[in-house]
């Protein structure tokens, strides 16, 4: 019913109506520009936020990789320190003549004068 009423009303052609139409047109253009600016600003904010999220995720994965590598290197360092400690102790023992003679007797079957060496099997007897 509103449609039929607006068609039946005649539009006045006055300067006021011309000014009003120009005002409404300017108002619509302002509204369009505002919407465009808001959309562009929202797009820019989304791009910046997205790039920051991607950067953060990359940094987290890089940190996790570095932390894992650090843990592996810490374990390797503790193993090497233990090995170094054992080797230093062995050096001290090898400087002792009695220890060297004991190794020569057990591994290479060297004997003192008048000493006889019998090789015994390391297995337990079967009885």
C-alpha atoms as a PDB file:
ATOM      1  CA  UNK A   1       0.000   0.000   0.000  1.00  0.00           C
ATOM      2  CA  UNK A   2       2.922   2.354   0.713  1.00  0.00           C
ATOM      3  CA  UNK A   3       4.150   1.838  -2.800  1.00  0.00           C
ATOM      4  CA  UNK A   4       0.934   3.014  -4.358  1.00  0.00           C
ATOM      5  CA  UNK A   5       0.845   6.034  -2.075  1.00  0.00           C
ATOM      6  CA  UNK A   6       4.390   7.141  -3.003  1.00  0.00           C
ATOM      7  CA  UNK A   7       3.611   6.796  -6.695  1.00  0.00           C
ATOM      8  CA  UNK A   8       0.553   8.939  -6.307  1.00  0.00           C
ATOM      9  CA  UNK A   9       2.441  11.764  -4.565  1.00  0.00           C
ATOM     10  CA  UNK A  10       3.910  14.265  -6.985  1.00  0.00           C
ATOM     11  CA  UNK A  11       7.446  15.466  -6.497  1.00  0.00           C
ATOM     12  CA  UNK A  12       7.849  19.201  -6.206  1.00  0.00           C
ATOM     13  CA  UNK A  13      10.541  20.716  -8.311  1.00  0.00           C
ATOM     14  CA  UNK A  14      11.861  23.419  -6.035  1.00  0.00           C
ATOM     15  CA  UNK A  15      15.295  24.711  -5.087  1.00  0.00           C
ATOM     16  CA  UNK A  16      14.853  23.243  -1.604  1.00  0.00           C
ATOM     17  CA  UNK A  17      14.348  19.784  -3.096  1.00  0.00           C
ATOM     18  CA  UNK A  18      17.381  20.224  -5.346  1.00  0.00           C
ATOM     19  CA  UNK A  19      19.507  21.199  -2.348  1.00  0.00           C
ATOM     20  CA  UNK A  20      18.064  18.335  -0.346  1.00  0.00           C
ATOM     21  CA  UNK A  21      18.835  15.851  -3.150  1.00  0.00           C
ATOM     22  CA  UNK A  22      22.401  17.181  -3.405  1.00  0.00           C
ATOM     23  CA  UNK A  23      22.748  16.896   0.369  1.00  0.00           C
ATOM     24  CA  UNK A  24      21.470  13.319   0.345  1.00  0.00           C
ATOM     25  CA  UNK A  25      23.839  12.428  -2.498  1.00  0.00           C
ATOM     26  CA  UNK A  26      26.808  13.892  -0.604  1.00  0.00           C
ATOM     27  CA  UNK A  27      25.673  12.042   2.508  1.00  0.00           C
ATOM     28  CA  UNK A  28      25.507   8.733   0.595  1.00  0.00           C
ATOM     29  CA  UNK A  29      28.980   9.295  -0.900  1.00  0.00           C
ATOM     30  CA  UNK A  30      30.356  10.064   2.598  1.00  0.00           C
ATOM     31  CA  UNK A  31      28.795   6.870   3.880  1.00  0.00           C
ATOM     32  CA  UNK A  32      30.340   4.853   1.015  1.00  0.00           C
ATOM     33  CA  UNK A  33      33.790   6.349   1.668  1.00  0.00           C
ATOM     34  CA  UNK A  34      33.451   5.629   5.384  1.00  0.00           C
ATOM     35  CA  UNK A  35      32.520   2.008   4.697  1.00  0.00           C
ATOM     36  CA  UNK A  36      35.429   1.655   2.253  1.00  0.00           C
ATOM     37  CA  UNK A  37      37.851   3.136   4.811  1.00  0.00           C
ATOM     38  CA  UNK A  38      36.553   0.835   7.544  1.00  0.00           C
ATOM     39  CA  UNK A  39      36.862  -2.210   5.275  1.00  0.00           C
ATOM     40  CA  UNK A  40      40.413  -1.234   4.280  1.00  0.00           C
ATOM     41  CA  UNK A  41      41.348  -0.617   7.913  1.00  0.00           C
ATOM     42  CA  UNK A  42      39.871  -3.976   8.955  1.00  0.00           C
ATOM     43  CA  UNK A  43      41.749  -5.677   6.122  1.00  0.00           C
ATOM     44  CA  UNK A  44      44.988  -3.990   7.166  1.00  0.00           C
ATOM     45  CA  UNK A  45      44.458  -4.998  10.799  1.00  0.00           C
ATOM     46  CA  UNK A  46      43.779  -8.599   9.739  1.00  0.00           C
ATOM     47  CA  UNK A  47      46.932  -8.698   7.610  1.00  0.00           C
ATOM     48  CA  UNK A  48      49.070  -7.292  10.426  1.00  0.00           C
ATOM     49  CA  UNK A  49      47.524  -9.613  13.023  1.00  0.00           C
ATOM     50  CA  UNK A  50      47.923 -12.613  10.706  1.00  0.00           C
ATOM     51  CA  UNK A  51      51.563 -11.832  10.032  1.00  0.00           C
ATOM     52  CA  UNK A  52      52.192 -11.431  13.758  1.00  0.00           C
ATOM     53  CA  UNK A  53      50.558 -14.809  14.462  1.00  0.00           C
ATOM     54  CA  UNK A  54      52.615 -16.481  11.732  1.00  0.00           C
ATOM     55  CA  UNK A  55      55.793 -14.859  13.080  1.00  0.00           C
ATOM     56  CA  UNK A  56      54.947 -16.015  16.613  1.00  0.00           C
ATOM     57  CA  UNK A  57      54.311 -19.595  15.466  1.00  0.00           C
ATOM     58  CA  UNK A  58      57.596 -19.622  13.543  1.00  0.00           C
ATOM     59  CA  UNK A  59      59.458 -18.317  16.571  1.00  0.00           C
ATOM     60  CA  UNK A  60      57.858 -20.952  18.814  1.00  0.00           C
ATOM     61  CA  UNK A  61      58.888 -23.777  16.476  1.00  0.00           C
ATOM     62  CA  UNK A  62      62.398 -22.329  16.203  1.00  0.00           C
ATOM     63  CA  UNK A  63      62.599 -22.102  20.004  1.00  0.00           C
ATOM     64  CA  UNK A  64      61.412 -25.713  20.354  1.00  0.00           C
ATOM     65  CA  UNK A  65      64.056 -26.896  17.870  1.00  0.00           C
ATOM     66  CA  UNK A  66      66.806 -24.942  19.621  1.00  0.00           C
ATOM     67  CA  UNK A  67      65.679 -26.191  23.037  1.00  0.00           C
ATOM     68  CA  UNK A  68      65.712 -29.801  21.839  1.00  0.00           C
ATOM     69  CA  UNK A  69      69.184 -29.332  20.326  1.00  0.00           C
ATOM     70  CA  UNK A  70      70.331 -27.750  23.607  1.00  0.00           C
ATOM     71  CA  UNK A  71      69.053 -30.744  25.600  1.00  0.00           C
ATOM     72  CA  UNK A  72      70.821 -33.165  23.242  1.00  0.00           C
ATOM     73  CA  UNK A  73      74.063 -31.207  23.537  1.00  0.00           C
ATOM     74  CA  UNK A  74      73.736 -31.120  27.343  1.00  0.00           C
ATOM     75  CA  UNK A  75      73.399 -34.917  27.408  1.00  0.00           C
ATOM     76  CA  UNK A  76      76.350 -35.309  25.050  1.00  0.00           C
ATOM     77  CA  UNK A  77      78.417 -32.931  27.177  1.00  0.00           C
ATOM     78  CA  UNK A  78      77.647 -34.877  30.369  1.00  0.00           C
ATOM     79  CA  UNK A  79      78.588 -38.121  28.605  1.00  0.00           C
ATOM     80  CA  UNK A  80      81.853 -36.599  27.380  1.00  0.00           C
ATOM     81  CA  UNK A  81      82.652 -35.201  30.821  1.00  0.00           C
ATOM     82  CA  UNK A  82      82.128 -38.647  32.349  1.00  0.00           C
ATOM     83  CA  UNK A  83      84.316 -40.196  29.646  1.00  0.00           C
ATOM     84  CA  UNK A  84      87.000 -37.564  30.294  1.00  0.00           C
ATOM     85  CA  UNK A  85      86.874 -38.295  34.016  1.00  0.00           C
ATOM     86  CA  UNK A  86      87.249 -42.033  33.326  1.00  0.00           C
ATOM     87  CA  UNK A  87      90.138 -41.416  30.941  1.00  0.00           C
ATOM     88  CA  UNK A  88      91.913 -39.161  33.441  1.00  0.00           C
ATOM     89  CA  UNK A  89      91.536 -41.856  36.073  1.00  0.00           C
ATOM     90  CA  UNK A  90      92.900 -44.445  33.652  1.00  0.00           C
ATOM     91  CA  UNK A  91      95.877 -42.170  32.908  1.00  0.00           C
ATOM     92  CA  UNK A  92      96.614 -41.984  36.632  1.00  0.00           C
ATOM     93  CA  UNK A  93      96.349 -45.781  36.880  1.00  0.00           C
ATOM     94  CA  UNK A  94      98.587 -46.328  33.839  1.00  0.00           C
ATOM     95  CA  UNK A  95     101.266 -44.217  35.489  1.00  0.00           C
ATOM     96  CA  UNK A  96     101.320 -46.826  38.274  1.00  0.00           C
ATOM     97  CA  UNK A  97     103.775 -49.617  37.377  1.00  0.00           C
ATOM     98  CA  UNK A  98     101.954 -52.280  39.403  1.00  0.00           C
ATOM     99  CA  UNK A  99      98.704 -51.655  37.501  1.00  0.00           C
ATOM    100  CA  UNK A 100     100.483 -51.939  34.126  1.00  0.00           C
ATOM    101  CA  UNK A 101     102.105 -55.209  35.200  1.00  0.00           C
ATOM    102  CA  UNK A 102      98.738 -56.563  36.357  1.00  0.00           C
ATOM    103  CA  UNK A 103      97.189 -55.736  32.954  1.00  0.00           C
ATOM    104  CA  UNK A 104     100.103 -57.387  31.150  1.00  0.00           C
ATOM    105  CA  UNK A 105      99.675 -60.537  33.252  1.00  0.00           C
ATOM    106  CA  UNK A 106      95.915 -60.836  32.782  1.00  0.00           C
ATOM    107  CA  UNK A 107      95.539 -59.791  29.144  1.00  0.00           C
ATOM    108  CA  UNK A 108      98.846 -60.806  27.567  1.00  0.00           C
ATOM    109  CA  UNK A 109      99.903 -63.732  29.839  1.00  0.00           C
ATOM    110  CA  UNK A 110     103.220 -62.223  30.863  1.00  0.00           C
ATOM    111  CA  UNK A 111     104.681 -63.773  33.954  1.00  0.00           C
ATOM    112  CA  UNK A 112     107.327 -63.057  36.510  1.00  0.00           C
ATOM    113  CA  UNK A 113     110.413 -65.235  36.606  1.00  0.00           C
ATOM    114  CA  UNK A 114     109.571 -68.695  37.813  1.00  0.00           C
ATOM    115  CA  UNK A 115     105.813 -68.093  37.583  1.00  0.00           C
ATOM    116  CA  UNK A 116     103.554 -70.468  35.651  1.00  0.00           C
ATOM    117  CA  UNK A 117     100.263 -69.205  34.194  1.00  0.00           C
ATOM    118  CA  UNK A 118      97.255 -71.486  33.833  1.00  0.00           C
ATOM    119  CA  UNK A 119      94.355 -70.265  31.729  1.00  0.00           C
ATOM    120  CA  UNK A 120      91.058 -71.161  33.404  1.00  0.00           C
ATOM    121  CA  UNK A 121      87.798 -71.099  31.479  1.00  0.00           C
ATOM    122  CA  UNK A 122      85.439 -68.353  32.548  1.00  0.00           C
ATOM    123  CA  UNK A 123      82.440 -70.679  32.326  1.00  0.00           C
ATOM    124  CA  UNK A 124      80.881 -72.289  35.362  1.00  0.00           C
ATOM    125  CA  UNK A 125      81.359 -76.048  35.682  1.00  0.00           C
ATOM    126  CA  UNK A 126      78.531 -78.190  34.309  1.00  0.00           C
ATOM    127  CA  UNK A 127      78.149 -80.370  37.458  1.00  0.00           C
END
